[in-house]
Amino acid sequence: MRFPPRITRIGTAAAVLSALLVGGTVATASPAAAAVGSICYGDLPSQAYDTLELIEQGGPFPYSQDGTVFQNREGILPSQSSGYYHEYTVITPGSSTRGARRIVTGEENQEDYYTADHYESFDLVDYGC
């Protein structure tokens, strides 16, 4: 049986808990926090599976920006120290550029976030559904 990427390293409950906890306390709802939802692994576009597989393998990645530190300037993801998040391109068929789709990973807790709208909103990938 083949498990989806990263599921063997962290349980879904731990990923959700890590997304909700900031500094040991439950984060309060803010307008930015409302933009973080969840998405079932099976509901991701097929190109996201390719990106997650490349992350598991450590590359090679199609764009030089892949794997760079994601600054979370929008403040939508839970606040973490610089270098915690990294971004990877999810290829958009027919696009002549990188497009708007990304996977953003959190290193310590191994959470994966998907955005289809270039960081305007994020969905925590739920590997359990």
N, C-alpha and C. Protein backbone atom coordinates (compact mmCIF):
# COMPACT_ATOMS: atom_id res chain seq x y z
N MET A 1 0.84 -1.18 0.00
CA MET A 1 0.00 0.00 0.00
C MET A 1 0.88 1.24 0.00
N ARG A 2 0.62 2.14 -0.90
CA ARG A 2 1.39 3.38 -0.98
C ARG A 2 0.66 4.48 -0.22
N PHE A 3 1.36 5.10 0.72
CA PHE A 3 0.77 6.19 1.49
C PHE A 3 1.01 7.51 0.78
N PRO A 4 0.09 8.46 0.92
CA PRO A 4 0.34 9.79 0.35
C PRO A 4 1.59 10.38 0.98
N PRO A 5 2.25 11.31 0.28
CA PRO A 5 3.45 11.93 0.85
C PRO A 5 3.20 12.49 2.23
N ARG A 6 4.19 12.40 3.09
CA ARG A 6 4.25 12.98 4.42
C ARG A 6 3.32 12.33 5.43
N ILE A 7 2.39 11.48 5.04
CA ILE A 7 1.46 10.90 6.00
C ILE A 7 2.17 9.97 6.97
N THR A 8 3.25 9.37 6.54
CA THR A 8 3.96 8.47 7.44
C THR A 8 4.75 9.22 8.50
N ARG A 9 4.97 10.51 8.30
CA ARG A 9 5.77 11.28 9.25
C ARG A 9 4.92 12.07 10.25
N ILE A 10 3.65 12.23 9.99
CA ILE A 10 2.81 12.99 10.91
C ILE A 10 1.36 12.57 10.75
N GLY A 11 0.68 12.50 11.83
CA GLY A 11 -0.74 12.21 11.79
C GLY A 11 -1.53 13.46 11.47
N THR A 12 -2.71 13.27 10.92
CA THR A 12 -3.56 14.39 10.57
C THR A 12 -3.89 15.23 11.78
N ALA A 13 -4.18 14.60 12.90
CA ALA A 13 -4.53 15.35 14.11
C ALA A 13 -3.39 16.26 14.53
N ALA A 14 -2.16 15.78 14.43
CA ALA A 14 -1.02 16.61 14.81
C ALA A 14 -0.86 17.79 13.86
N ALA A 15 -1.12 17.58 12.58
CA ALA A 15 -1.03 18.68 11.62
C ALA A 15 -2.08 19.75 11.90
N VAL A 16 -3.29 19.31 12.18
CA VAL A 16 -4.35 20.26 12.48
C VAL A 16 -4.04 20.98 13.78
N LEU A 17 -3.60 20.25 14.78
CA LEU A 17 -3.26 20.85 16.06
C LEU A 17 -2.14 21.88 15.89
N SER A 18 -1.14 21.56 15.10
CA SER A 18 -0.04 22.51 14.91
C SER A 18 -0.51 23.77 14.21
N ALA A 19 -1.51 23.63 13.34
CA ALA A 19 -2.03 24.81 12.65
C ALA A 19 -2.87 25.68 13.58
N LEU A 20 -3.43 25.09 14.62
CA LEU A 20 -4.28 25.83 15.54
C LEU A 20 -3.52 26.43 16.71
N LEU A 21 -2.40 25.82 17.05
CA LEU A 21 -1.65 26.28 18.21
C LEU A 21 -0.53 27.23 17.81
N VAL A 22 -0.47 28.33 18.50
CA VAL A 22 0.60 29.31 18.28
C VAL A 22 1.15 29.68 19.64
N GLY A 23 2.40 29.38 19.89
CA GLY A 23 3.01 29.71 21.17
C GLY A 23 2.37 29.00 22.34
N GLY A 24 1.80 27.84 22.12
CA GLY A 24 1.22 27.07 23.20
C GLY A 24 -0.20 27.45 23.56
N THR A 25 -0.77 28.41 22.85
CA THR A 25 -2.16 28.78 23.12
C THR A 25 -2.94 28.67 21.84
N VAL A 26 -4.22 28.52 21.97
CA VAL A 26 -5.06 28.44 20.78
C VAL A 26 -5.15 29.83 20.17
N ALA A 27 -4.87 29.92 18.88
CA ALA A 27 -4.91 31.20 18.20
C ALA A 27 -6.34 31.73 18.14
N THR A 28 -6.48 33.02 18.32
CA THR A 28 -7.80 33.63 18.20
C THR A 28 -8.09 33.90 16.75
N ALA A 29 -9.35 33.90 16.41
CA ALA A 29 -9.74 34.12 15.03
C ALA A 29 -9.45 35.56 14.64
N SER A 30 -8.90 35.71 13.46
CA SER A 30 -8.65 37.03 12.90
C SER A 30 -9.10 36.98 11.46
N PRO A 31 -9.22 38.13 10.80
CA PRO A 31 -9.60 38.08 9.39
C PRO A 31 -8.66 37.22 8.56
N ALA A 32 -7.36 37.29 8.86
CA ALA A 32 -6.40 36.47 8.11
C ALA A 32 -6.61 35.00 8.41
N ALA A 33 -6.85 34.65 9.67
CA ALA A 33 -7.01 33.25 10.04
C ALA A 33 -8.22 32.63 9.36
N ALA A 34 -9.20 33.44 9.04
CA ALA A 34 -10.39 32.93 8.36
C ALA A 34 -10.05 32.43 6.96
N ALA A 35 -8.93 32.85 6.41
CA ALA A 35 -8.53 32.44 5.08
C ALA A 35 -7.85 31.08 5.07
N VAL A 36 -7.60 30.47 6.24
CA VAL A 36 -7.01 29.14 6.30
C VAL A 36 -8.13 28.13 6.49
N GLY A 37 -8.26 27.25 5.51
CA GLY A 37 -9.25 26.19 5.58
C GLY A 37 -8.57 24.85 5.56
N SER A 38 -9.24 23.87 5.05
CA SER A 38 -8.62 22.55 4.89
C SER A 38 -9.08 21.96 3.56
N ILE A 39 -8.28 21.06 3.05
CA ILE A 39 -8.60 20.37 1.81
C ILE A 39 -8.18 18.92 1.95
N CYS A 40 -9.04 18.02 1.53
CA CYS A 40 -8.70 16.61 1.54
C CYS A 40 -7.60 16.35 0.50
N TYR A 41 -6.66 15.51 0.86
CA TYR A 41 -5.58 15.14 -0.04
C TYR A 41 -6.15 14.73 -1.41
N GLY A 42 -7.23 13.95 -1.39
CA GLY A 42 -7.83 13.46 -2.62
C GLY A 42 -8.48 14.54 -3.48
N ASP A 43 -8.67 15.73 -2.93
CA ASP A 43 -9.30 16.83 -3.67
C ASP A 43 -8.29 17.79 -4.28
N LEU A 44 -7.01 17.56 -4.05
CA LEU A 44 -5.98 18.41 -4.65
C LEU A 44 -5.92 18.19 -6.15
N PRO A 45 -5.51 19.20 -6.92
CA PRO A 45 -5.30 18.96 -8.35
C PRO A 45 -4.15 17.98 -8.55
N SER A 46 -4.17 17.26 -9.63
CA SER A 46 -3.18 16.21 -9.86
C SER A 46 -1.74 16.75 -9.83
N GLN A 47 -1.55 17.98 -10.26
CA GLN A 47 -0.21 18.56 -10.27
C GLN A 47 0.32 18.76 -8.84
N ALA A 48 -0.57 18.93 -7.87
CA ALA A 48 -0.14 19.07 -6.47
C ALA A 48 0.47 17.77 -5.97
N TYR A 49 -0.06 16.63 -6.42
CA TYR A 49 0.53 15.34 -6.04
C TYR A 49 1.97 15.26 -6.55
N ASP A 50 2.19 15.74 -7.78
CA ASP A 50 3.54 15.74 -8.34
C ASP A 50 4.47 16.59 -7.49
N THR A 51 3.99 17.76 -7.07
CA THR A 51 4.81 18.66 -6.25
C THR A 51 5.12 18.02 -4.90
N LEU A 52 4.12 17.44 -4.26
CA LEU A 52 4.34 16.79 -2.96
C LEU A 52 5.33 15.63 -3.09
N GLU A 53 5.26 14.91 -4.17
CA GLU A 53 6.20 13.80 -4.40
C GLU A 53 7.62 14.35 -4.57
N LEU A 54 7.77 15.45 -5.31
CA LEU A 54 9.09 16.06 -5.47
C LEU A 54 9.64 16.55 -4.13
N ILE A 55 8.77 17.09 -3.29
CA ILE A 55 9.20 17.54 -1.96
C ILE A 55 9.73 16.35 -1.17
N GLU A 56 9.00 15.25 -1.20
CA GLU A 56 9.44 14.04 -0.50
C GLU A 56 10.79 13.56 -0.99
N GLN A 57 11.01 13.66 -2.30
CA GLN A 57 12.25 13.18 -2.90
C GLN A 57 13.39 14.19 -2.77
N GLY A 58 13.07 15.43 -2.38
CA GLY A 58 14.09 16.46 -2.29
C GLY A 58 14.45 17.08 -3.64
N GLY A 59 13.54 16.95 -4.61
CA GLY A 59 13.75 17.55 -5.93
C GLY A 59 14.14 16.50 -6.94
N PRO A 60 14.54 16.93 -8.12
CA PRO A 60 14.74 18.30 -8.58
C PRO A 60 13.41 18.99 -8.85
N PHE A 61 13.41 20.30 -8.67
CA PHE A 61 12.20 21.09 -8.82
C PHE A 61 12.23 21.85 -10.14
N PRO A 62 11.06 22.13 -10.71
CA PRO A 62 11.01 22.76 -12.02
C PRO A 62 11.39 24.24 -12.04
N TYR A 63 11.34 24.92 -10.89
CA TYR A 63 11.64 26.35 -10.85
C TYR A 63 12.68 26.63 -9.77
N SER A 64 13.55 27.58 -10.04
CA SER A 64 14.62 27.91 -9.09
C SER A 64 14.07 28.45 -7.77
N GLN A 65 12.86 29.01 -7.78
CA GLN A 65 12.26 29.55 -6.56
C GLN A 65 11.73 28.45 -5.64
N ASP A 66 11.54 27.26 -6.16
CA ASP A 66 11.01 26.16 -5.35
C ASP A 66 11.97 25.81 -4.23
N GLY A 67 11.41 25.70 -3.03
CA GLY A 67 12.20 25.38 -1.86
C GLY A 67 12.71 26.60 -1.11
N THR A 68 12.42 27.79 -1.63
CA THR A 68 12.87 29.00 -0.95
C THR A 68 11.98 29.29 0.24
N VAL A 69 12.48 30.11 1.14
CA VAL A 69 11.75 30.46 2.35
C VAL A 69 10.52 31.28 1.98
N PHE A 70 9.38 30.88 2.51
CA PHE A 70 8.14 31.63 2.36
C PHE A 70 8.03 32.55 3.58
N GLN A 71 7.92 33.84 3.34
CA GLN A 71 7.98 34.83 4.41
C GLN A 71 6.67 35.00 5.18
N ASN A 72 5.56 34.53 4.65
CA ASN A 72 4.25 34.69 5.30
C ASN A 72 3.94 36.18 5.53
N ARG A 73 4.30 37.02 4.57
CA ARG A 73 4.05 38.46 4.68
C ARG A 73 2.57 38.78 4.81
N GLU A 74 1.74 37.93 4.24
CA GLU A 74 0.29 38.14 4.30
C GLU A 74 -0.25 37.91 5.70
N GLY A 75 0.50 37.15 6.51
CA GLY A 75 0.09 36.86 7.88
C GLY A 75 -1.06 35.90 7.98
N ILE A 76 -1.30 35.13 6.94
CA ILE A 76 -2.43 34.20 6.94
C ILE A 76 -2.09 32.90 7.66
N LEU A 77 -0.91 32.37 7.44
CA LEU A 77 -0.51 31.15 8.12
C LEU A 77 -0.14 31.45 9.56
N PRO A 78 -0.17 30.44 10.44
CA PRO A 78 0.23 30.68 11.83
C PRO A 78 1.62 31.30 11.90
N SER A 79 1.80 32.25 12.78
CA SER A 79 3.06 32.96 12.93
C SER A 79 4.16 32.00 13.38
N GLN A 80 5.26 32.01 12.65
CA GLN A 80 6.42 31.18 12.97
C GLN A 80 7.68 32.00 12.70
N SER A 81 8.81 31.50 13.16
CA SER A 81 10.07 32.20 12.92
C SER A 81 10.43 32.12 11.44
N SER A 82 11.25 33.06 11.01
CA SER A 82 11.70 33.10 9.63
C SER A 82 12.41 31.80 9.28
N GLY A 83 12.12 31.27 8.13
CA GLY A 83 12.73 30.02 7.68
C GLY A 83 11.89 28.80 7.96
N TYR A 84 10.79 28.96 8.70
CA TYR A 84 9.94 27.82 9.04
C TYR A 84 9.20 27.31 7.81
N TYR A 85 8.67 28.23 7.00
CA TYR A 85 7.88 27.85 5.82
C TYR A 85 8.72 27.91 4.55
N HIS A 86 8.44 26.98 3.63
CA HIS A 86 9.07 26.97 2.31
C HIS A 86 7.99 26.78 1.26
N GLU A 87 8.20 27.36 0.09
CA GLU A 87 7.19 27.31 -0.96
C GLU A 87 7.66 26.52 -2.17
N TYR A 88 6.68 25.90 -2.84
CA TYR A 88 6.93 25.09 -4.02
C TYR A 88 5.81 25.33 -5.03
N THR A 89 6.18 25.37 -6.29
CA THR A 89 5.23 25.62 -7.37
C THR A 89 4.39 24.38 -7.65
N VAL A 90 3.09 24.59 -7.81
CA VAL A 90 2.20 23.56 -8.34
C VAL A 90 1.92 24.01 -9.77
N ILE A 91 2.42 23.26 -10.72
CA ILE A 91 2.32 23.66 -12.12
C ILE A 91 0.86 23.82 -12.53
N THR A 92 0.60 24.90 -13.28
CA THR A 92 -0.72 25.18 -13.81
C THR A 92 -0.68 24.90 -15.31
N PRO A 93 -1.39 23.86 -15.77
CA PRO A 93 -1.37 23.54 -17.20
C PRO A 93 -1.80 24.74 -18.04
N GLY A 94 -1.06 24.98 -19.11
CA GLY A 94 -1.38 26.06 -20.03
C GLY A 94 -0.83 27.42 -19.64
N SER A 95 -0.27 27.53 -18.44
CA SER A 95 0.28 28.81 -17.99
C SER A 95 1.72 28.94 -18.49
N SER A 96 2.05 30.13 -18.98
CA SER A 96 3.42 30.37 -19.44
C SER A 96 4.32 30.82 -18.30
N THR A 97 3.73 31.02 -17.10
CA THR A 97 4.50 31.42 -15.91
C THR A 97 4.32 30.35 -14.84
N ARG A 98 4.81 30.62 -13.65
CA ARG A 98 4.64 29.68 -12.53
C ARG A 98 3.18 29.56 -12.14
N GLY A 99 2.36 30.50 -12.50
CA GLY A 99 0.96 30.44 -12.11
C GLY A 99 0.78 30.83 -10.66
N ALA A 100 -0.41 30.62 -10.12
CA ALA A 100 -0.75 31.08 -8.77
C ALA A 100 -0.74 29.96 -7.73
N ARG A 101 -0.61 28.73 -8.17
CA ARG A 101 -0.76 27.60 -7.25
C ARG A 101 0.56 27.23 -6.59
N ARG A 102 0.49 27.01 -5.25
CA ARG A 102 1.68 26.65 -4.50
C ARG A 102 1.35 25.65 -3.39
N ILE A 103 2.37 24.93 -2.99
CA ILE A 103 2.37 24.18 -1.73
C ILE A 103 3.35 24.92 -0.83
N VAL A 104 2.92 25.23 0.38
CA VAL A 104 3.80 25.83 1.38
C VAL A 104 3.91 24.82 2.52
N THR A 105 5.14 24.47 2.85
CA THR A 105 5.38 23.48 3.90
C THR A 105 5.85 24.15 5.17
N GLY A 106 5.49 23.54 6.29
CA GLY A 106 6.00 23.95 7.60
C GLY A 106 6.96 22.89 8.07
N GLU A 107 8.18 23.25 8.31
CA GLU A 107 9.24 22.29 8.57
C GLU A 107 9.10 21.50 9.87
N GLU A 108 8.92 22.18 10.98
CA GLU A 108 8.96 21.49 12.28
C GLU A 108 7.81 20.49 12.44
N ASN A 109 6.62 20.90 12.08
CA ASN A 109 5.45 20.03 12.27
C ASN A 109 5.03 19.31 11.00
N GLN A 110 5.77 19.52 9.92
CA GLN A 110 5.54 18.83 8.66
C GLN A 110 4.13 19.04 8.10
N GLU A 111 3.59 20.23 8.28
CA GLU A 111 2.29 20.51 7.69
C GLU A 111 2.48 21.03 6.26
N ASP A 112 1.46 20.76 5.44
CA ASP A 112 1.46 21.20 4.05
C ASP A 112 0.21 22.04 3.83
N TYR A 113 0.40 23.19 3.21
CA TYR A 113 -0.71 24.08 2.87
C TYR A 113 -0.76 24.22 1.36
N TYR A 114 -1.98 24.30 0.82
CA TYR A 114 -2.17 24.50 -0.62
C TYR A 114 -2.84 25.85 -0.83
N THR A 115 -2.36 26.61 -1.80
CA THR A 115 -3.01 27.84 -2.21
C THR A 115 -3.18 27.81 -3.72
N ALA A 116 -4.37 28.14 -4.17
CA ALA A 116 -4.65 28.21 -5.60
C ALA A 116 -4.70 29.65 -6.08
N ASP A 117 -4.58 30.60 -5.14
CA ASP A 117 -4.77 32.02 -5.47
C ASP A 117 -3.60 32.89 -5.04
N HIS A 118 -2.40 32.36 -5.13
CA HIS A 118 -1.16 33.08 -4.83
C HIS A 118 -1.21 33.77 -3.48
N TYR A 119 -1.42 32.97 -2.44
CA TYR A 119 -1.30 33.38 -1.04
C TYR A 119 -2.46 34.21 -0.50
N GLU A 120 -3.57 34.31 -1.24
CA GLU A 120 -4.74 35.03 -0.70
C GLU A 120 -5.48 34.16 0.31
N SER A 121 -5.40 32.85 0.13
CA SER A 121 -5.99 31.91 1.08
C SER A 121 -5.17 30.63 1.04
N PHE A 122 -5.28 29.86 2.10
CA PHE A 122 -4.56 28.60 2.22
C PHE A 122 -5.48 27.54 2.76
N ASP A 123 -5.24 26.30 2.35
CA ASP A 123 -5.92 25.13 2.89
C ASP A 123 -4.86 24.17 3.42
N LEU A 124 -5.03 23.76 4.68
CA LEU A 124 -4.17 22.73 5.25
C LEU A 124 -4.55 21.40 4.62
N VAL A 125 -3.56 20.68 4.09
CA VAL A 125 -3.83 19.40 3.44
C VAL A 125 -4.14 18.36 4.52
N ASP A 126 -5.31 17.75 4.41
CA ASP A 126 -5.75 16.71 5.33
C ASP A 126 -5.51 15.36 4.65
N TYR A 127 -4.54 14.60 5.15
CA TYR A 127 -4.20 13.32 4.56
C TYR A 127 -5.11 12.19 5.03
N GLY A 128 -6.02 12.49 5.95
CA GLY A 128 -6.88 11.46 6.52
C GLY A 128 -8.24 11.33 5.88
N CYS A 129 -8.52 12.10 4.86
CA CYS A 129 -9.87 12.00 4.25
C CYS A 129 -9.79 11.72 2.77
